[in-house]
Amino acid sequence: MSNTIVSRVENERVLVLERVFDAPRDLVFKMFKEPEHLKRWFGPKGWELPVCNIDFRPGGVWHYCMKCIDQNQGQFYGMESWGKAVFKEIIEPEKLIYTDYFADADGNTNETMPSTEVTIEFIDLGGKTKLVNSSEYVSPDALKTVMDMGMLQGITETWNRLEDLLNEVK
């Protein structure tokens, strides 16, 4: 089934997520590159991306805010979650490598929360694309912290939204 995420943990601190999307690699890559696309899919169900500033180059920063707009999510409704990614390497349309931080509205990183070294590979499967997302944490405890925050459910919902958008635009 195409919308199933395969996940595994390597070395107790690397979470690897894989999913196949029924869309060409160039299009899937574009969804990660352009703010107008990111705003339409990034974040779990019931969340939007009111702030999405991206300088898409090695050394560039992606500063964003996810905001819960779903009243059914109770205590999360109206909550904002700020993040900041610093791109290390971009090989279009094959790979993205960046460090992901929890941040505030001014782009200051939250040093009390674990940062993540993220590598996303876009593998061409002839009209389909296999996304392989490897997130490396500083320790097993840091990985456990984000897993306990519901990260897997959030990624699943986020990638479901990506798939919906890909189906709409392809």
N, C-alpha and C. Protein backbone atom coordinates (compact mmCIF):
# COMPACT_ATOMS: atom_id res chain seq x y z
N MET A 1 0.84 -1.18 0.00
CA MET A 1 0.00 0.00 0.00
C MET A 1 0.89 1.25 0.00
N SER A 2 0.61 2.19 -0.88
CA SER A 2 1.53 3.31 -1.08
C SER A 2 1.56 4.28 0.10
N ASN A 3 0.47 4.39 0.87
CA ASN A 3 0.49 5.40 1.92
C ASN A 3 0.98 4.86 3.26
N THR A 4 1.60 3.70 3.24
CA THR A 4 2.15 3.14 4.47
C THR A 4 3.58 3.63 4.66
N ILE A 5 3.86 4.07 5.86
CA ILE A 5 5.22 4.46 6.19
C ILE A 5 5.92 3.26 6.83
N VAL A 6 7.09 2.95 6.33
CA VAL A 6 7.92 1.92 6.93
C VAL A 6 8.91 2.65 7.83
N SER A 7 8.96 2.26 9.10
CA SER A 7 9.90 2.94 10.00
C SER A 7 10.80 1.92 10.68
N ARG A 8 12.01 2.38 10.98
CA ARG A 8 12.95 1.55 11.73
C ARG A 8 13.91 2.47 12.48
N VAL A 9 14.47 1.95 13.55
CA VAL A 9 15.45 2.71 14.33
C VAL A 9 16.80 2.04 14.14
N GLU A 10 17.81 2.86 13.83
CA GLU A 10 19.18 2.36 13.68
C GLU A 10 20.06 3.01 14.74
N ASN A 11 20.98 2.24 15.31
CA ASN A 11 21.94 2.74 16.30
C ASN A 11 21.28 3.44 17.48
N GLU A 12 20.04 3.09 17.76
CA GLU A 12 19.27 3.63 18.90
C GLU A 12 18.98 5.12 18.84
N ARG A 13 19.47 5.81 17.80
CA ARG A 13 19.22 7.25 17.75
C ARG A 13 18.93 7.78 16.35
N VAL A 14 18.77 6.88 15.39
CA VAL A 14 18.42 7.29 14.03
C VAL A 14 17.07 6.68 13.67
N LEU A 15 16.11 7.54 13.36
CA LEU A 15 14.79 7.08 12.92
C LEU A 15 14.74 7.21 11.41
N VAL A 16 14.46 6.09 10.73
CA VAL A 16 14.38 6.07 9.27
C VAL A 16 12.92 5.81 8.89
N LEU A 17 12.38 6.71 8.08
CA LEU A 17 11.01 6.59 7.59
C LEU A 17 11.03 6.52 6.08
N GLU A 18 10.26 5.59 5.51
CA GLU A 18 10.20 5.44 4.06
C GLU A 18 8.75 5.37 3.60
N ARG A 19 8.50 5.99 2.46
CA ARG A 19 7.16 5.92 1.86
C ARG A 19 7.28 6.17 0.36
N VAL A 20 6.47 5.47 -0.40
CA VAL A 20 6.45 5.65 -1.85
C VAL A 20 5.26 6.55 -2.20
N PHE A 21 5.55 7.58 -2.99
CA PHE A 21 4.51 8.50 -3.48
C PHE A 21 4.31 8.27 -4.98
N ASP A 22 3.07 8.29 -5.40
CA ASP A 22 2.72 8.06 -6.80
C ASP A 22 2.82 9.38 -7.56
N ALA A 23 4.06 9.87 -7.67
CA ALA A 23 4.32 11.14 -8.36
C ALA A 23 5.79 11.16 -8.76
N PRO A 24 6.12 11.86 -9.85
CA PRO A 24 7.51 11.92 -10.31
C PRO A 24 8.42 12.64 -9.29
N ARG A 25 9.68 12.23 -9.27
CA ARG A 25 10.64 12.75 -8.30
C ARG A 25 10.76 14.27 -8.35
N ASP A 26 10.85 14.87 -9.55
CA ASP A 26 11.00 16.32 -9.64
C ASP A 26 9.86 17.05 -8.93
N LEU A 27 8.64 16.52 -9.07
CA LEU A 27 7.47 17.15 -8.45
C LEU A 27 7.52 16.98 -6.93
N VAL A 28 7.88 15.81 -6.45
CA VAL A 28 7.96 15.59 -5.00
C VAL A 28 9.01 16.51 -4.40
N PHE A 29 10.16 16.63 -5.06
CA PHE A 29 11.23 17.50 -4.56
C PHE A 29 10.75 18.95 -4.49
N LYS A 30 10.03 19.38 -5.52
CA LYS A 30 9.52 20.75 -5.60
C LYS A 30 8.62 21.08 -4.39
N MET A 31 7.91 20.08 -3.89
CA MET A 31 7.01 20.28 -2.75
C MET A 31 7.78 20.64 -1.47
N PHE A 32 9.07 20.25 -1.41
CA PHE A 32 9.91 20.53 -0.25
C PHE A 32 10.68 21.84 -0.40
N LYS A 33 10.63 22.41 -1.59
CA LYS A 33 11.49 23.54 -1.94
C LYS A 33 10.76 24.88 -1.92
N GLU A 34 9.50 24.88 -2.29
CA GLU A 34 8.79 26.14 -2.53
C GLU A 34 7.74 26.42 -1.46
N PRO A 35 7.81 27.62 -0.84
CA PRO A 35 6.89 27.96 0.26
C PRO A 35 5.42 27.80 -0.09
N GLU A 36 5.05 28.15 -1.33
CA GLU A 36 3.63 28.06 -1.68
C GLU A 36 3.13 26.61 -1.64
N HIS A 37 4.03 25.66 -1.88
CA HIS A 37 3.65 24.24 -1.77
C HIS A 37 3.72 23.77 -0.32
N LEU A 38 4.81 24.11 0.37
CA LEU A 38 4.97 23.70 1.78
C LEU A 38 3.78 24.15 2.62
N LYS A 39 3.28 25.36 2.36
CA LYS A 39 2.16 25.90 3.13
C LYS A 39 0.90 25.04 2.97
N ARG A 40 0.84 24.26 1.90
CA ARG A 40 -0.37 23.48 1.64
C ARG A 40 -0.32 22.06 2.21
N TRP A 41 0.87 21.61 2.66
CA TRP A 41 0.92 20.23 3.16
C TRP A 41 1.74 20.03 4.43
N PHE A 42 2.64 20.93 4.76
CA PHE A 42 3.56 20.64 5.87
C PHE A 42 2.85 20.79 7.21
N GLY A 43 2.96 19.77 8.02
CA GLY A 43 2.35 19.76 9.35
C GLY A 43 1.24 18.73 9.44
N PRO A 44 0.92 18.31 10.67
CA PRO A 44 -0.12 17.29 10.85
C PRO A 44 -1.51 17.82 10.50
N LYS A 45 -2.45 16.92 10.43
CA LYS A 45 -3.84 17.25 10.13
C LYS A 45 -4.35 18.26 11.15
N GLY A 46 -5.03 19.30 10.64
CA GLY A 46 -5.59 20.31 11.53
C GLY A 46 -4.63 21.44 11.87
N TRP A 47 -3.43 21.39 11.28
CA TRP A 47 -2.43 22.44 11.51
C TRP A 47 -2.15 23.14 10.17
N GLU A 48 -1.84 24.42 10.23
CA GLU A 48 -1.46 25.17 9.03
C GLU A 48 -0.08 25.76 9.23
N LEU A 49 0.43 26.35 8.15
CA LEU A 49 1.77 26.92 8.18
C LEU A 49 1.66 28.42 7.86
N PRO A 50 1.25 29.25 8.85
CA PRO A 50 1.06 30.67 8.56
C PRO A 50 2.37 31.41 8.26
N VAL A 51 3.49 30.89 8.75
CA VAL A 51 4.80 31.48 8.47
C VAL A 51 5.67 30.42 7.81
N CYS A 52 6.22 30.74 6.65
CA CYS A 52 7.08 29.80 5.93
C CYS A 52 8.07 30.60 5.09
N ASN A 53 9.20 30.92 5.71
CA ASN A 53 10.25 31.68 5.01
C ASN A 53 11.40 30.73 4.73
N ILE A 54 11.73 30.61 3.44
CA ILE A 54 12.75 29.62 3.08
C ILE A 54 13.80 30.23 2.15
N ASP A 55 15.05 30.06 2.53
CA ASP A 55 16.19 30.45 1.71
C ASP A 55 16.84 29.13 1.28
N PHE A 56 16.40 28.64 0.13
CA PHE A 56 16.71 27.27 -0.30
C PHE A 56 18.08 27.18 -0.96
N ARG A 57 19.10 27.10 -0.11
CA ARG A 57 20.49 26.94 -0.57
C ARG A 57 21.30 26.42 0.60
N PRO A 58 22.45 25.77 0.34
CA PRO A 58 23.30 25.35 1.45
C PRO A 58 23.66 26.56 2.31
N GLY A 59 23.45 26.44 3.62
CA GLY A 59 23.66 27.56 4.53
C GLY A 59 22.42 28.40 4.74
N GLY A 60 21.44 28.21 3.88
CA GLY A 60 20.18 28.94 3.99
C GLY A 60 19.31 28.40 5.11
N VAL A 61 18.33 29.21 5.52
CA VAL A 61 17.47 28.86 6.64
C VAL A 61 16.02 28.77 6.19
N TRP A 62 15.33 27.79 6.73
CA TRP A 62 13.87 27.68 6.58
C TRP A 62 13.30 27.90 7.97
N HIS A 63 12.59 29.02 8.15
CA HIS A 63 11.97 29.36 9.43
C HIS A 63 10.46 29.25 9.23
N TYR A 64 9.81 28.50 10.11
CA TYR A 64 8.40 28.25 9.91
C TYR A 64 7.64 28.17 11.23
N CYS A 65 6.33 28.32 11.12
CA CYS A 65 5.44 28.20 12.26
C CYS A 65 4.28 27.30 11.88
N MET A 66 4.07 26.25 12.66
CA MET A 66 2.88 25.42 12.50
C MET A 66 1.88 25.89 13.56
N LYS A 67 0.62 26.06 13.15
CA LYS A 67 -0.41 26.51 14.09
C LYS A 67 -1.63 25.60 13.99
N CYS A 68 -2.13 25.17 15.15
CA CYS A 68 -3.31 24.30 15.17
C CYS A 68 -4.56 25.14 14.93
N ILE A 69 -5.31 24.77 13.88
CA ILE A 69 -6.54 25.50 13.53
C ILE A 69 -7.78 24.63 13.69
N ASP A 70 -7.59 23.43 14.25
CA ASP A 70 -8.69 22.48 14.42
C ASP A 70 -9.20 22.52 15.86
N GLN A 71 -10.40 23.07 16.06
CA GLN A 71 -10.96 23.20 17.41
C GLN A 71 -11.15 21.83 18.08
N ASN A 72 -11.28 20.77 17.28
CA ASN A 72 -11.46 19.43 17.84
C ASN A 72 -10.20 18.90 18.51
N GLN A 73 -9.07 19.60 18.33
CA GLN A 73 -7.83 19.15 18.96
C GLN A 73 -7.64 19.71 20.36
N GLY A 74 -8.74 20.25 20.91
CA GLY A 74 -8.76 20.64 22.33
C GLY A 74 -7.64 21.58 22.73
N GLN A 75 -6.78 21.12 23.65
CA GLN A 75 -5.74 21.97 24.22
C GLN A 75 -4.74 22.44 23.19
N PHE A 76 -4.66 21.78 22.03
CA PHE A 76 -3.70 22.18 21.00
C PHE A 76 -4.23 23.32 20.14
N TYR A 77 -5.57 23.54 20.15
CA TYR A 77 -6.17 24.56 19.31
C TYR A 77 -5.55 25.93 19.60
N GLY A 78 -5.06 26.59 18.54
CA GLY A 78 -4.44 27.90 18.66
C GLY A 78 -2.95 27.85 18.99
N MET A 79 -2.45 26.65 19.33
CA MET A 79 -1.05 26.50 19.69
C MET A 79 -0.15 26.72 18.47
N GLU A 80 1.00 27.32 18.71
CA GLU A 80 1.99 27.52 17.64
C GLU A 80 3.23 26.70 17.97
N SER A 81 3.82 26.12 16.94
CA SER A 81 5.08 25.40 17.08
C SER A 81 6.04 25.93 16.03
N TRP A 82 7.08 26.61 16.50
CA TRP A 82 8.06 27.22 15.59
C TRP A 82 9.23 26.29 15.36
N GLY A 83 9.73 26.29 14.14
CA GLY A 83 10.90 25.49 13.80
C GLY A 83 11.84 26.25 12.89
N LYS A 84 13.05 25.76 12.85
CA LYS A 84 14.07 26.39 12.01
C LYS A 84 14.97 25.27 11.48
N ALA A 85 15.13 25.25 10.18
CA ALA A 85 16.03 24.27 9.55
C ALA A 85 17.16 25.04 8.88
N VAL A 86 18.37 24.52 9.02
CA VAL A 86 19.53 25.11 8.35
C VAL A 86 20.03 24.07 7.35
N PHE A 87 19.97 24.44 6.07
CA PHE A 87 20.35 23.50 5.01
C PHE A 87 21.87 23.32 4.96
N LYS A 88 22.28 22.06 4.92
CA LYS A 88 23.71 21.74 4.81
C LYS A 88 24.06 21.38 3.37
N GLU A 89 23.19 20.59 2.74
CA GLU A 89 23.48 20.12 1.39
C GLU A 89 22.16 19.97 0.63
N ILE A 90 22.18 20.40 -0.62
CA ILE A 90 21.02 20.26 -1.49
C ILE A 90 21.51 19.71 -2.82
N ILE A 91 21.03 18.53 -3.17
CA ILE A 91 21.34 17.95 -4.48
C ILE A 91 20.00 17.73 -5.17
N GLU A 92 19.61 18.71 -5.98
CA GLU A 92 18.30 18.66 -6.62
C GLU A 92 18.32 17.69 -7.79
N PRO A 93 17.34 16.79 -7.93
CA PRO A 93 16.20 16.50 -7.05
C PRO A 93 16.41 15.24 -6.21
N GLU A 94 17.63 14.99 -5.78
CA GLU A 94 17.96 13.72 -5.14
C GLU A 94 18.00 13.73 -3.62
N LYS A 95 18.47 14.82 -3.02
CA LYS A 95 18.74 14.77 -1.58
C LYS A 95 18.71 16.14 -0.94
N LEU A 96 18.23 16.16 0.31
CA LEU A 96 18.29 17.34 1.18
C LEU A 96 18.92 16.92 2.49
N ILE A 97 19.85 17.71 2.99
CA ILE A 97 20.41 17.47 4.32
C ILE A 97 20.33 18.78 5.08
N TYR A 98 19.73 18.72 6.27
CA TYR A 98 19.61 19.93 7.08
C TYR A 98 19.55 19.58 8.56
N THR A 99 19.81 20.58 9.39
CA THR A 99 19.65 20.45 10.83
C THR A 99 18.34 21.14 11.20
N ASP A 100 17.49 20.41 11.92
CA ASP A 100 16.17 20.91 12.29
C ASP A 100 16.17 21.23 13.78
N TYR A 101 15.71 22.44 14.11
CA TYR A 101 15.69 22.91 15.49
C TYR A 101 14.28 23.32 15.88
N PHE A 102 13.95 23.18 17.16
CA PHE A 102 12.80 23.88 17.70
C PHE A 102 13.26 25.32 17.86
N ALA A 103 12.35 26.28 17.59
CA ALA A 103 12.76 27.68 17.60
C ALA A 103 11.61 28.55 18.11
N ASP A 104 11.87 29.86 18.12
CA ASP A 104 10.81 30.82 18.46
C ASP A 104 10.50 31.69 17.25
N ALA A 105 9.59 32.63 17.44
CA ALA A 105 9.14 33.48 16.33
C ALA A 105 10.26 34.32 15.74
N ASP A 106 11.31 34.56 16.52
CA ASP A 106 12.44 35.36 16.03
C ASP A 106 13.53 34.49 15.40
N GLY A 107 13.33 33.17 15.39
CA GLY A 107 14.31 32.27 14.79
C GLY A 107 15.41 31.84 15.74
N ASN A 108 15.26 32.17 17.03
CA ASN A 108 16.23 31.70 18.02
C ASN A 108 15.96 30.23 18.32
N THR A 109 17.01 29.42 18.34
CA THR A 109 16.82 27.99 18.58
C THR A 109 16.57 27.73 20.07
N ASN A 110 15.75 26.71 20.33
CA ASN A 110 15.44 26.29 21.69
C ASN A 110 16.44 25.22 22.08
N GLU A 111 17.41 25.61 22.89
CA GLU A 111 18.50 24.69 23.25
C GLU A 111 18.05 23.59 24.20
N THR A 112 16.86 23.72 24.80
CA THR A 112 16.39 22.68 25.72
C THR A 112 15.74 21.51 24.98
N MET A 113 15.48 21.69 23.70
CA MET A 113 14.86 20.62 22.89
C MET A 113 15.91 20.06 21.93
N PRO A 114 15.80 18.75 21.65
CA PRO A 114 16.82 18.14 20.78
C PRO A 114 16.72 18.61 19.33
N SER A 115 17.88 18.94 18.75
CA SER A 115 17.92 19.22 17.31
C SER A 115 18.04 17.88 16.59
N THR A 116 17.83 17.91 15.29
CA THR A 116 17.82 16.70 14.49
C THR A 116 18.63 16.91 13.23
N GLU A 117 19.49 15.94 12.90
CA GLU A 117 20.19 15.96 11.61
C GLU A 117 19.32 15.15 10.65
N VAL A 118 18.79 15.82 9.64
CA VAL A 118 17.83 15.18 8.73
C VAL A 118 18.43 15.01 7.34
N THR A 119 18.29 13.81 6.80
CA THR A 119 18.65 13.54 5.41
C THR A 119 17.41 12.98 4.73
N ILE A 120 16.99 13.63 3.66
CA ILE A 120 15.84 13.15 2.89
C ILE A 120 16.34 12.78 1.50
N GLU A 121 16.12 11.52 1.14
CA GLU A 121 16.48 11.05 -0.19
C GLU A 121 15.21 10.89 -1.02
N PHE A 122 15.29 11.33 -2.26
CA PHE A 122 14.19 11.23 -3.22
C PHE A 122 14.63 10.23 -4.28
N ILE A 123 14.10 9.01 -4.23
CA ILE A 123 14.56 7.94 -5.11
C ILE A 123 13.56 7.76 -6.24
N ASP A 124 14.04 7.91 -7.47
CA ASP A 124 13.21 7.82 -8.66
C ASP A 124 12.85 6.36 -8.93
N LEU A 125 11.54 6.07 -8.93
CA LEU A 125 11.06 4.72 -9.23
C LEU A 125 10.26 4.73 -10.53
N GLY A 126 10.69 5.55 -11.49
CA GLY A 126 10.01 5.59 -12.78
C GLY A 126 8.58 6.07 -12.68
N GLY A 127 8.38 7.34 -12.39
CA GLY A 127 7.04 7.90 -12.26
C GLY A 127 6.55 7.93 -10.82
N LYS A 128 7.16 7.14 -9.98
CA LYS A 128 6.87 7.19 -8.54
C LYS A 128 8.14 7.61 -7.83
N THR A 129 8.01 8.00 -6.57
CA THR A 129 9.16 8.46 -5.81
C THR A 129 9.15 7.81 -4.43
N LYS A 130 10.28 7.23 -4.08
CA LYS A 130 10.45 6.71 -2.72
C LYS A 130 11.16 7.78 -1.91
N LEU A 131 10.50 8.20 -0.84
CA LEU A 131 11.07 9.18 0.07
C LEU A 131 11.67 8.41 1.24
N VAL A 132 12.95 8.66 1.51
CA VAL A 132 13.62 8.05 2.66
C VAL A 132 14.11 9.19 3.55
N ASN A 133 13.50 9.31 4.73
CA ASN A 133 13.81 10.37 5.67
C ASN A 133 14.55 9.77 6.85
N SER A 134 15.83 10.14 7.02
CA SER A 134 16.63 9.67 8.15
C SER A 134 16.85 10.83 9.11
N SER A 135 16.40 10.67 10.35
CA SER A 135 16.55 11.71 11.36
C SER A 135 17.46 11.20 12.46
N GLU A 136 18.60 11.87 12.61
CA GLU A 136 19.58 11.44 13.61
C GLU A 136 19.54 12.38 14.81
N TYR A 137 19.37 11.78 15.99
CA TYR A 137 19.28 12.53 17.24
C TYR A 137 20.58 12.38 18.03
N VAL A 138 20.82 13.29 18.95
CA VAL A 138 22.07 13.28 19.71
C VAL A 138 22.18 12.08 20.64
N SER A 139 21.02 11.52 21.03
CA SER A 139 21.04 10.40 21.97
C SER A 139 19.76 9.59 21.83
N PRO A 140 19.75 8.36 22.34
CA PRO A 140 18.50 7.58 22.37
C PRO A 140 17.40 8.32 23.13
N ASP A 141 17.76 9.05 24.20
CA ASP A 141 16.76 9.80 24.96
C ASP A 141 16.12 10.91 24.12
N ALA A 142 16.92 11.57 23.30
CA ALA A 142 16.39 12.64 22.44
C ALA A 142 15.39 12.05 21.44
N LEU A 143 15.71 10.89 20.88
CA LEU A 143 14.78 10.22 19.96
C LEU A 143 13.50 9.85 20.71
N LYS A 144 13.65 9.32 21.91
CA LYS A 144 12.47 8.94 22.71
C LYS A 144 11.61 10.17 23.00
N THR A 145 12.23 11.30 23.28
CA THR A 145 11.49 12.53 23.57
C THR A 145 10.56 12.89 22.41
N VAL A 146 11.07 12.90 21.18
CA VAL A 146 10.22 13.28 20.04
C VAL A 146 9.21 12.19 19.71
N MET A 147 9.57 10.92 19.93
CA MET A 147 8.60 9.83 19.70
C MET A 147 7.43 9.97 20.69
N ASP A 148 7.76 10.29 21.95
CA ASP A 148 6.73 10.46 22.97
C ASP A 148 5.84 11.66 22.68
N MET A 149 6.35 12.62 21.90
CA MET A 149 5.56 13.80 21.52
C MET A 149 4.58 13.48 20.38
N GLY A 150 4.61 12.25 19.87
CA GLY A 150 3.69 11.86 18.80
C GLY A 150 4.23 12.12 17.41
N MET A 151 5.55 12.14 17.28
CA MET A 151 6.18 12.48 16.00
C MET A 151 5.77 11.55 14.87
N LEU A 152 5.65 10.24 15.14
CA LEU A 152 5.31 9.30 14.07
C LEU A 152 3.91 9.58 13.52
N GLN A 153 2.95 9.83 14.39
CA GLN A 153 1.60 10.18 13.94
C GLN A 153 1.62 11.48 13.15
N GLY A 154 2.41 12.45 13.64
CA GLY A 154 2.51 13.74 12.95
C GLY A 154 3.09 13.60 11.56
N ILE A 155 4.14 12.80 11.43
CA ILE A 155 4.75 12.57 10.11
C ILE A 155 3.78 11.85 9.19
N THR A 156 3.07 10.86 9.72
CA THR A 156 2.10 10.12 8.91
C THR A 156 1.03 11.07 8.36
N GLU A 157 0.48 11.91 9.23
CA GLU A 157 -0.55 12.87 8.80
C GLU A 157 0.03 13.88 7.80
N THR A 158 1.26 14.33 8.06
CA THR A 158 1.91 15.29 7.17
C THR A 158 2.11 14.68 5.79
N TRP A 159 2.63 13.44 5.74
CA TRP A 159 2.86 12.80 4.44
C TRP A 159 1.55 12.43 3.75
N ASN A 160 0.48 12.20 4.50
CA ASN A 160 -0.83 12.00 3.88
C ASN A 160 -1.27 13.29 3.19
N ARG A 161 -1.02 14.42 3.83
CA ARG A 161 -1.36 15.71 3.23
C ARG A 161 -0.51 15.96 1.99
N LEU A 162 0.77 15.57 2.03
CA LEU A 162 1.64 15.70 0.86
C LEU A 162 1.08 14.86 -0.29
N GLU A 163 0.69 13.63 0.02
CA GLU A 163 0.13 12.77 -1.03
C GLU A 163 -1.13 13.37 -1.64
N ASP A 164 -2.00 13.92 -0.81
CA ASP A 164 -3.22 14.57 -1.32
C ASP A 164 -2.88 15.71 -2.28
N LEU A 165 -1.91 16.54 -1.90
CA LEU A 165 -1.50 17.65 -2.74
C LEU A 165 -0.88 17.16 -4.05
N LEU A 166 -0.03 16.13 -3.96
CA LEU A 166 0.58 15.58 -5.18
C LEU A 166 -0.50 15.06 -6.12
N ASN A 167 -1.50 14.39 -5.59
CA ASN A 167 -2.60 13.88 -6.42
C ASN A 167 -3.38 15.01 -7.08
N GLU A 168 -3.44 16.13 -6.37
CA GLU A 168 -4.16 17.30 -6.88
C GLU A 168 -3.41 18.00 -8.00
N VAL A 169 -2.07 18.11 -7.87
CA VAL A 169 -1.31 18.93 -8.82
C VAL A 169 -0.65 18.17 -9.96
N LYS A 170 -0.54 16.85 -9.85
CA LYS A 170 0.23 16.14 -10.89
C LYS A 170 -0.56 15.97 -12.18
